[in-house]
Amino acid sequence: MISLNHILVPHDFSETSAAAVRYALALARNSRARITFLHVGSSAQAAFDTEFPIGLEDAREDAIRERLLKIVTPQEQVEFNPQFVVRPGNPAAEIVRFAGQHDVDLIVMGTHGRGFVAHVVMGNVAERVVRTAPCPVLTVRDPNVGATVAEKISASEATA
């Protein structure tokens, strides 16, 4: 049997990340795993922040931590006692690095499901994590995307 002791949930405050949180909490509840939420800021923003007065970086990190705290309910905070981590850098690299350094058993993350052209031009954080992570990765799409596609298919079949 697969044992889950530590689940990592990268979070970028998107709808897909919110969907991933729901999956991760259910898995953590069933396996009694600890859960860590990780937000990785862009390296460009981190470099830009060096031009600001000392202390501003701490204020920005505190604001991000406050947003992270709001992704779970107060009851879930008590139940899971999750860890909230903020790191600068390249999202895919930092997610993989964190997973390797902290004995993560599973990464649960949202994927935006961009089209082929956008994927080729911009890349995909989830795909890079899947290819390089030291543990399994569960990718979660925005549940509203599937419903929209199904509605379009139903509408096109109705008019045919």
N, C-alpha and C. Protein backbone atom coordinates (compact mmCIF):
# COMPACT_ATOMS: atom_id res chain seq x y z
N MET A 1 0.83 -1.19 0.00
CA MET A 1 0.00 0.00 0.00
C MET A 1 0.87 1.25 0.00
N ILE A 2 0.42 2.25 -0.70
CA ILE A 2 1.14 3.51 -0.77
C ILE A 2 0.91 4.30 0.51
N SER A 3 2.00 4.79 1.07
CA SER A 3 1.90 5.57 2.30
C SER A 3 2.18 7.04 1.99
N LEU A 4 1.23 7.88 2.33
CA LEU A 4 1.43 9.32 2.17
C LEU A 4 1.63 9.94 3.54
N ASN A 5 2.81 10.49 3.74
CA ASN A 5 3.12 11.16 5.00
C ASN A 5 3.22 12.66 4.85
N HIS A 6 3.59 13.12 3.63
CA HIS A 6 3.79 14.56 3.41
C HIS A 6 3.33 14.91 2.01
N ILE A 7 2.36 15.80 1.92
CA ILE A 7 1.82 16.25 0.64
C ILE A 7 2.19 17.71 0.44
N LEU A 8 2.71 18.01 -0.74
CA LEU A 8 3.08 19.38 -1.10
C LEU A 8 2.07 19.93 -2.10
N VAL A 9 1.58 21.14 -1.83
CA VAL A 9 0.63 21.80 -2.73
C VAL A 9 1.20 23.15 -3.15
N PRO A 10 1.80 23.22 -4.34
CA PRO A 10 2.22 24.53 -4.85
C PRO A 10 0.98 25.36 -5.12
N HIS A 11 1.02 26.64 -4.78
CA HIS A 11 -0.18 27.47 -4.93
C HIS A 11 0.18 28.82 -5.53
N ASP A 12 -0.52 29.17 -6.62
CA ASP A 12 -0.27 30.46 -7.27
C ASP A 12 -1.50 31.36 -7.24
N PHE A 13 -2.45 31.04 -6.37
CA PHE A 13 -3.68 31.82 -6.16
C PHE A 13 -4.61 31.77 -7.37
N SER A 14 -4.49 30.74 -8.20
CA SER A 14 -5.37 30.57 -9.36
C SER A 14 -6.51 29.62 -8.99
N GLU A 15 -7.50 29.54 -9.88
CA GLU A 15 -8.62 28.61 -9.68
C GLU A 15 -8.14 27.17 -9.70
N THR A 16 -7.16 26.87 -10.54
CA THR A 16 -6.66 25.50 -10.60
C THR A 16 -5.92 25.13 -9.31
N SER A 17 -5.24 26.09 -8.72
CA SER A 17 -4.59 25.81 -7.43
C SER A 17 -5.63 25.57 -6.35
N ALA A 18 -6.73 26.32 -6.40
CA ALA A 18 -7.81 26.11 -5.43
C ALA A 18 -8.40 24.71 -5.58
N ALA A 19 -8.55 24.24 -6.82
CA ALA A 19 -9.05 22.89 -7.04
C ALA A 19 -8.07 21.85 -6.50
N ALA A 20 -6.78 22.10 -6.68
CA ALA A 20 -5.75 21.18 -6.18
C ALA A 20 -5.79 21.10 -4.65
N VAL A 21 -6.08 22.22 -4.00
CA VAL A 21 -6.16 22.24 -2.54
C VAL A 21 -7.23 21.27 -2.05
N ARG A 22 -8.38 21.26 -2.70
CA ARG A 22 -9.48 20.37 -2.30
C ARG A 22 -9.04 18.90 -2.38
N TYR A 23 -8.36 18.53 -3.47
CA TYR A 23 -7.86 17.16 -3.62
C TYR A 23 -6.83 16.85 -2.53
N ALA A 24 -5.90 17.76 -2.33
CA ALA A 24 -4.84 17.53 -1.35
C ALA A 24 -5.39 17.37 0.06
N LEU A 25 -6.36 18.20 0.42
CA LEU A 25 -6.94 18.08 1.75
C LEU A 25 -7.66 16.75 1.93
N ALA A 26 -8.37 16.30 0.90
CA ALA A 26 -9.06 15.00 0.99
C ALA A 26 -8.04 13.87 1.14
N LEU A 27 -6.96 13.92 0.36
CA LEU A 27 -5.93 12.89 0.47
C LEU A 27 -5.24 12.93 1.83
N ALA A 28 -4.96 14.13 2.33
CA ALA A 28 -4.32 14.27 3.63
C ALA A 28 -5.23 13.76 4.74
N ARG A 29 -6.51 14.03 4.61
CA ARG A 29 -7.47 13.57 5.60
C ARG A 29 -7.52 12.03 5.63
N ASN A 30 -7.56 11.42 4.45
CA ASN A 30 -7.64 9.96 4.37
C ASN A 30 -6.37 9.26 4.80
N SER A 31 -5.23 9.88 4.58
CA SER A 31 -3.96 9.23 4.90
C SER A 31 -3.28 9.79 6.15
N ARG A 32 -3.91 10.80 6.73
CA ARG A 32 -3.34 11.47 7.92
C ARG A 32 -1.96 12.05 7.63
N ALA A 33 -1.80 12.53 6.41
CA ALA A 33 -0.53 13.12 5.99
C ALA A 33 -0.46 14.58 6.41
N ARG A 34 0.75 15.06 6.60
CA ARG A 34 0.91 16.49 6.82
C ARG A 34 0.91 17.16 5.47
N ILE A 35 0.58 18.44 5.46
CA ILE A 35 0.42 19.15 4.19
C ILE A 35 1.19 20.47 4.25
N THR A 36 1.85 20.78 3.14
CA THR A 36 2.60 22.03 3.02
C THR A 36 2.12 22.75 1.78
N PHE A 37 1.84 24.03 1.93
CA PHE A 37 1.48 24.89 0.81
C PHE A 37 2.70 25.73 0.48
N LEU A 38 3.05 25.75 -0.80
CA LEU A 38 4.25 26.45 -1.25
C LEU A 38 3.89 27.47 -2.32
N HIS A 39 4.31 28.70 -2.11
CA HIS A 39 4.16 29.74 -3.13
C HIS A 39 5.56 30.15 -3.57
N VAL A 40 5.79 30.11 -4.88
CA VAL A 40 7.09 30.52 -5.42
C VAL A 40 6.90 31.78 -6.22
N GLY A 41 7.61 32.85 -5.83
CA GLY A 41 7.56 34.12 -6.56
C GLY A 41 8.50 34.08 -7.74
N SER A 42 8.25 34.93 -8.71
CA SER A 42 9.09 34.94 -9.92
C SER A 42 10.45 35.53 -9.61
N SER A 43 11.45 35.02 -10.30
CA SER A 43 12.81 35.51 -10.09
C SER A 43 12.93 36.96 -10.54
N ALA A 44 12.16 37.35 -11.55
CA ALA A 44 12.21 38.74 -12.01
C ALA A 44 11.71 39.67 -10.92
N GLN A 45 10.64 39.30 -10.25
CA GLN A 45 10.11 40.14 -9.18
C GLN A 45 11.08 40.19 -8.01
N ALA A 46 11.70 39.05 -7.69
CA ALA A 46 12.65 39.02 -6.59
C ALA A 46 13.84 39.94 -6.88
N ALA A 47 14.30 39.94 -8.13
CA ALA A 47 15.42 40.82 -8.50
C ALA A 47 14.99 42.28 -8.43
N PHE A 48 13.76 42.58 -8.85
CA PHE A 48 13.23 43.93 -8.82
C PHE A 48 13.11 44.43 -7.38
N ASP A 49 12.75 43.55 -6.46
CA ASP A 49 12.56 43.94 -5.07
C ASP A 49 13.85 44.42 -4.41
N THR A 50 15.00 44.04 -4.94
CA THR A 50 16.25 44.44 -4.31
C THR A 50 16.47 45.94 -4.39
N GLU A 51 15.74 46.63 -5.26
CA GLU A 51 15.89 48.07 -5.38
C GLU A 51 15.08 48.83 -4.33
N PHE A 52 14.23 48.14 -3.59
CA PHE A 52 13.37 48.79 -2.61
C PHE A 52 14.03 48.81 -1.24
N PRO A 53 13.53 49.64 -0.34
CA PRO A 53 14.11 49.74 1.00
C PRO A 53 14.04 48.41 1.75
N ILE A 54 14.97 48.26 2.67
CA ILE A 54 15.02 47.06 3.50
C ILE A 54 13.70 46.95 4.26
N GLY A 55 13.18 45.75 4.34
CA GLY A 55 11.93 45.53 5.05
C GLY A 55 10.75 45.35 4.12
N LEU A 56 10.82 45.88 2.91
CA LEU A 56 9.71 45.75 1.98
C LEU A 56 9.53 44.29 1.56
N GLU A 57 10.66 43.58 1.38
CA GLU A 57 10.59 42.16 1.01
C GLU A 57 9.85 41.38 2.10
N ASP A 58 10.14 41.68 3.35
CA ASP A 58 9.45 41.01 4.46
C ASP A 58 7.96 41.32 4.43
N ALA A 59 7.61 42.55 4.13
CA ALA A 59 6.19 42.94 4.07
C ALA A 59 5.49 42.20 2.93
N ARG A 60 6.16 42.06 1.78
CA ARG A 60 5.58 41.34 0.65
C ARG A 60 5.39 39.88 1.01
N GLU A 61 6.38 39.28 1.65
CA GLU A 61 6.28 37.87 2.05
C GLU A 61 5.16 37.68 3.07
N ASP A 62 5.03 38.62 3.99
CA ASP A 62 3.93 38.53 4.97
C ASP A 62 2.57 38.61 4.29
N ALA A 63 2.45 39.47 3.28
CA ALA A 63 1.19 39.60 2.55
C ALA A 63 0.87 38.29 1.81
N ILE A 64 1.88 37.67 1.23
CA ILE A 64 1.67 36.39 0.54
C ILE A 64 1.26 35.32 1.55
N ARG A 65 1.91 35.29 2.71
CA ARG A 65 1.54 34.32 3.76
C ARG A 65 0.09 34.52 4.21
N GLU A 66 -0.33 35.77 4.31
CA GLU A 66 -1.72 36.05 4.70
C GLU A 66 -2.69 35.50 3.65
N ARG A 67 -2.35 35.68 2.38
CA ARG A 67 -3.20 35.11 1.31
C ARG A 67 -3.21 33.60 1.37
N LEU A 68 -2.05 33.00 1.65
CA LEU A 68 -1.98 31.54 1.75
C LEU A 68 -2.85 31.02 2.90
N LEU A 69 -2.84 31.74 4.01
CA LEU A 69 -3.65 31.31 5.16
C LEU A 69 -5.13 31.24 4.82
N LYS A 70 -5.56 32.05 3.86
CA LYS A 70 -6.98 32.11 3.50
C LYS A 70 -7.41 31.00 2.55
N ILE A 71 -6.48 30.17 2.06
CA ILE A 71 -6.86 29.12 1.13
C ILE A 71 -7.46 27.91 1.83
N VAL A 72 -7.31 27.86 3.15
CA VAL A 72 -7.95 26.81 3.93
C VAL A 72 -8.82 27.47 4.99
N THR A 73 -9.86 26.79 5.39
CA THR A 73 -10.76 27.34 6.40
C THR A 73 -10.09 27.28 7.77
N PRO A 74 -10.60 28.04 8.73
CA PRO A 74 -10.05 27.95 10.08
C PRO A 74 -10.14 26.52 10.65
N GLN A 75 -11.22 25.80 10.33
CA GLN A 75 -11.35 24.41 10.79
C GLN A 75 -10.27 23.53 10.17
N GLU A 76 -9.97 23.75 8.87
CA GLU A 76 -8.93 22.97 8.21
C GLU A 76 -7.55 23.32 8.76
N GLN A 77 -7.35 24.57 9.16
CA GLN A 77 -6.08 24.95 9.78
C GLN A 77 -5.87 24.19 11.08
N VAL A 78 -6.95 24.05 11.85
CA VAL A 78 -6.86 23.31 13.11
C VAL A 78 -6.65 21.82 12.83
N GLU A 79 -7.42 21.28 11.89
CA GLU A 79 -7.35 19.85 11.58
C GLU A 79 -5.99 19.43 11.02
N PHE A 80 -5.43 20.21 10.10
CA PHE A 80 -4.21 19.80 9.40
C PHE A 80 -2.94 20.46 9.90
N ASN A 81 -3.07 21.61 10.56
CA ASN A 81 -1.90 22.38 10.96
C ASN A 81 -0.90 22.49 9.80
N PRO A 82 -1.36 23.01 8.66
CA PRO A 82 -0.49 23.04 7.47
C PRO A 82 0.67 24.01 7.64
N GLN A 83 1.71 23.74 6.87
CA GLN A 83 2.85 24.64 6.82
C GLN A 83 2.69 25.51 5.58
N PHE A 84 3.00 26.78 5.70
CA PHE A 84 2.93 27.71 4.58
C PHE A 84 4.33 28.23 4.31
N VAL A 85 4.81 28.02 3.08
CA VAL A 85 6.17 28.39 2.73
C VAL A 85 6.15 29.31 1.51
N VAL A 86 6.98 30.34 1.55
CA VAL A 86 7.13 31.26 0.43
C VAL A 86 8.60 31.25 0.03
N ARG A 87 8.84 31.04 -1.26
CA ARG A 87 10.22 31.02 -1.76
C ARG A 87 10.32 31.84 -3.04
N PRO A 88 11.45 32.51 -3.22
CA PRO A 88 11.68 33.19 -4.50
C PRO A 88 12.25 32.18 -5.50
N GLY A 89 12.20 32.53 -6.77
CA GLY A 89 12.86 31.70 -7.77
C GLY A 89 11.95 31.21 -8.86
N ASN A 90 12.47 30.27 -9.63
CA ASN A 90 11.74 29.65 -10.72
C ASN A 90 10.76 28.64 -10.14
N PRO A 91 9.47 28.77 -10.43
CA PRO A 91 8.49 27.90 -9.79
C PRO A 91 8.76 26.40 -9.93
N ALA A 92 8.99 25.91 -11.13
CA ALA A 92 9.20 24.46 -11.31
C ALA A 92 10.43 23.98 -10.54
N ALA A 93 11.52 24.70 -10.66
CA ALA A 93 12.75 24.30 -9.98
C ALA A 93 12.60 24.32 -8.46
N GLU A 94 11.96 25.35 -7.93
CA GLU A 94 11.79 25.44 -6.48
C GLU A 94 10.83 24.39 -5.93
N ILE A 95 9.78 24.07 -6.69
CA ILE A 95 8.84 23.03 -6.26
C ILE A 95 9.58 21.69 -6.16
N VAL A 96 10.34 21.37 -7.20
CA VAL A 96 11.08 20.10 -7.21
C VAL A 96 12.14 20.10 -6.10
N ARG A 97 12.84 21.20 -5.94
CA ARG A 97 13.87 21.30 -4.90
C ARG A 97 13.25 21.10 -3.51
N PHE A 98 12.14 21.78 -3.25
CA PHE A 98 11.48 21.67 -1.96
C PHE A 98 11.05 20.22 -1.70
N ALA A 99 10.46 19.59 -2.71
CA ALA A 99 9.99 18.20 -2.56
C ALA A 99 11.15 17.28 -2.21
N GLY A 100 12.29 17.46 -2.86
CA GLY A 100 13.45 16.63 -2.58
C GLY A 100 14.06 16.87 -1.21
N GLN A 101 14.06 18.11 -0.78
CA GLN A 101 14.68 18.46 0.51
C GLN A 101 13.81 18.12 1.71
N HIS A 102 12.49 17.93 1.50
CA HIS A 102 11.59 17.77 2.63
C HIS A 102 10.80 16.45 2.61
N ASP A 103 11.34 15.45 1.95
CA ASP A 103 10.73 14.11 1.94
C ASP A 103 9.24 14.15 1.59
N VAL A 104 8.90 14.84 0.53
CA VAL A 104 7.51 14.91 0.08
C VAL A 104 7.17 13.61 -0.64
N ASP A 105 6.00 13.04 -0.31
CA ASP A 105 5.54 11.79 -0.91
C ASP A 105 4.67 12.02 -2.15
N LEU A 106 4.02 13.19 -2.22
CA LEU A 106 3.13 13.49 -3.33
C LEU A 106 3.03 14.99 -3.50
N ILE A 107 3.08 15.44 -4.75
CA ILE A 107 2.83 16.85 -5.08
C ILE A 107 1.45 16.90 -5.73
N VAL A 108 0.59 17.76 -5.24
CA VAL A 108 -0.74 17.96 -5.83
C VAL A 108 -0.78 19.40 -6.32
N MET A 109 -0.89 19.57 -7.64
CA MET A 109 -0.83 20.93 -8.17
C MET A 109 -1.81 21.12 -9.31
N GLY A 110 -2.24 22.36 -9.46
CA GLY A 110 -3.12 22.71 -10.55
C GLY A 110 -2.35 22.84 -11.85
N THR A 111 -3.06 22.58 -12.93
CA THR A 111 -2.49 22.80 -14.25
C THR A 111 -3.49 23.61 -15.06
N HIS A 112 -2.99 24.57 -15.78
CA HIS A 112 -3.88 25.49 -16.48
C HIS A 112 -4.39 24.94 -17.80
N GLY A 113 -3.78 23.88 -18.31
CA GLY A 113 -4.27 23.25 -19.53
C GLY A 113 -4.28 24.18 -20.72
N ARG A 114 -3.20 24.93 -20.91
CA ARG A 114 -3.12 25.84 -22.05
C ARG A 114 -3.08 25.05 -23.35
N GLY A 115 -3.40 25.71 -24.42
CA GLY A 115 -3.35 25.09 -25.74
C GLY A 115 -1.93 24.81 -26.18
N PHE A 116 -1.78 24.10 -27.28
CA PHE A 116 -0.48 23.68 -27.77
C PHE A 116 0.45 24.86 -28.04
N VAL A 117 -0.02 25.88 -28.72
CA VAL A 117 0.84 27.02 -29.07
C VAL A 117 1.31 27.74 -27.81
N ALA A 118 0.41 28.00 -26.88
CA ALA A 118 0.79 28.68 -25.64
C ALA A 118 1.78 27.82 -24.86
N HIS A 119 1.58 26.51 -24.88
CA HIS A 119 2.49 25.61 -24.17
C HIS A 119 3.89 25.66 -24.76
N VAL A 120 3.98 25.62 -26.10
CA VAL A 120 5.28 25.66 -26.75
C VAL A 120 6.00 26.97 -26.48
N VAL A 121 5.26 28.08 -26.52
CA VAL A 121 5.87 29.39 -26.32
C VAL A 121 6.21 29.63 -24.85
N MET A 122 5.30 29.34 -23.96
CA MET A 122 5.47 29.71 -22.55
C MET A 122 5.95 28.56 -21.67
N GLY A 123 5.82 27.32 -22.11
CA GLY A 123 6.18 26.20 -21.26
C GLY A 123 5.06 25.93 -20.27
N ASN A 124 5.29 24.98 -19.38
CA ASN A 124 4.27 24.61 -18.43
C ASN A 124 4.95 24.16 -17.15
N VAL A 125 4.68 24.85 -16.07
CA VAL A 125 5.30 24.54 -14.79
C VAL A 125 4.94 23.12 -14.37
N ALA A 126 3.67 22.76 -14.47
CA ALA A 126 3.24 21.42 -14.05
C ALA A 126 3.98 20.33 -14.83
N GLU A 127 4.12 20.53 -16.13
CA GLU A 127 4.82 19.51 -16.93
C GLU A 127 6.28 19.37 -16.49
N ARG A 128 6.94 20.48 -16.24
CA ARG A 128 8.33 20.42 -15.78
C ARG A 128 8.44 19.72 -14.43
N VAL A 129 7.48 19.98 -13.56
CA VAL A 129 7.49 19.33 -12.25
C VAL A 129 7.27 17.82 -12.42
N VAL A 130 6.30 17.45 -13.24
CA VAL A 130 6.02 16.02 -13.47
C VAL A 130 7.28 15.31 -13.98
N ARG A 131 7.99 15.94 -14.90
CA ARG A 131 9.18 15.31 -15.49
C ARG A 131 10.36 15.23 -14.54
N THR A 132 10.45 16.11 -13.54
CA THR A 132 11.67 16.16 -12.73
C THR A 132 11.47 15.91 -11.24
N ALA A 133 10.25 15.76 -10.79
CA ALA A 133 9.99 15.60 -9.35
C ALA A 133 10.51 14.26 -8.83
N PRO A 134 10.94 14.26 -7.57
CA PRO A 134 11.43 13.02 -6.97
C PRO A 134 10.31 12.12 -6.43
N CYS A 135 9.07 12.52 -6.67
CA CYS A 135 7.91 11.79 -6.16
C CYS A 135 6.77 11.90 -7.17
N PRO A 136 5.69 11.14 -6.98
CA PRO A 136 4.54 11.27 -7.88
C PRO A 136 3.93 12.67 -7.82
N VAL A 137 3.30 13.06 -8.94
CA VAL A 137 2.65 14.36 -9.03
C VAL A 137 1.23 14.14 -9.53
N LEU A 138 0.26 14.66 -8.78
CA LEU A 138 -1.13 14.63 -9.20
C LEU A 138 -1.47 16.02 -9.73
N THR A 139 -1.84 16.10 -11.01
CA THR A 139 -2.20 17.39 -11.58
C THR A 139 -3.72 17.49 -11.63
N VAL A 140 -4.21 18.68 -11.30
CA VAL A 140 -5.65 18.93 -11.21
C VAL A 140 -5.99 20.11 -12.11
N ARG A 141 -6.96 19.89 -12.98
CA ARG A 141 -7.43 20.98 -13.85
C ARG A 141 -8.57 21.71 -13.17
N ASP A 142 -8.82 22.91 -13.62
CA ASP A 142 -9.95 23.70 -13.13
C ASP A 142 -11.23 22.94 -13.49
N PRO A 143 -12.05 22.57 -12.51
CA PRO A 143 -13.26 21.80 -12.81
C PRO A 143 -14.23 22.56 -13.71
N ASN A 144 -14.18 23.86 -13.73
CA ASN A 144 -15.07 24.65 -14.59
C ASN A 144 -14.72 24.52 -16.06
N VAL A 145 -13.45 24.23 -16.37
CA VAL A 145 -13.02 24.08 -17.76
C VAL A 145 -13.70 22.87 -18.38
N GLY A 146 -13.72 21.75 -17.67
CA GLY A 146 -14.37 20.54 -18.18
C GLY A 146 -15.85 20.75 -18.40
N ALA A 147 -16.50 21.45 -17.50
CA ALA A 147 -17.94 21.71 -17.63
C ALA A 147 -18.21 22.57 -18.86
N THR A 148 -17.38 23.57 -19.10
CA THR A 148 -17.55 24.45 -20.25
C THR A 148 -17.40 23.66 -21.55
N VAL A 149 -16.41 22.79 -21.62
CA VAL A 149 -16.20 21.98 -22.82
C VAL A 149 -17.39 21.07 -23.04
N ALA A 150 -17.87 20.42 -21.97
CA ALA A 150 -19.03 19.52 -22.08
C ALA A 150 -20.27 20.29 -22.56
N GLU A 151 -20.45 21.51 -22.06
CA GLU A 151 -21.59 22.32 -22.49
C GLU A 151 -21.49 22.66 -23.97
N LYS A 152 -20.28 22.98 -24.45
CA LYS A 152 -20.09 23.29 -25.87
C LYS A 152 -20.40 22.07 -26.74
N ILE A 153 -19.95 20.89 -26.29
CA ILE A 153 -20.19 19.67 -27.05
C ILE A 153 -21.69 19.39 -27.10
N SER A 154 -22.36 19.52 -25.96
CA SER A 154 -23.81 19.29 -25.91
C SER A 154 -24.55 20.27 -26.81
N ALA A 155 -24.12 21.51 -26.81
CA ALA A 155 -24.79 22.53 -27.63
C ALA A 155 -24.59 22.24 -29.12
N SER A 156 -23.38 21.81 -29.49
CA SER A 156 -23.12 21.53 -30.89
C SER A 156 -23.88 20.28 -31.35
N GLU A 157 -24.03 19.30 -30.46
CA GLU A 157 -24.81 18.09 -30.80
C GLU A 157 -26.29 18.41 -30.93
N ALA A 158 -26.78 19.35 -30.13
CA ALA A 158 -28.20 19.72 -30.18
C ALA A 158 -28.55 20.43 -31.49
N THR A 159 -27.58 21.20 -32.02
CA THR A 159 -27.85 21.93 -33.25
C THR A 159 -27.61 21.08 -34.49
N ALA A 160 -26.97 19.95 -34.32
CA ALA A 160 -26.65 19.09 -35.48
C ALA A 160 -27.85 18.29 -35.94
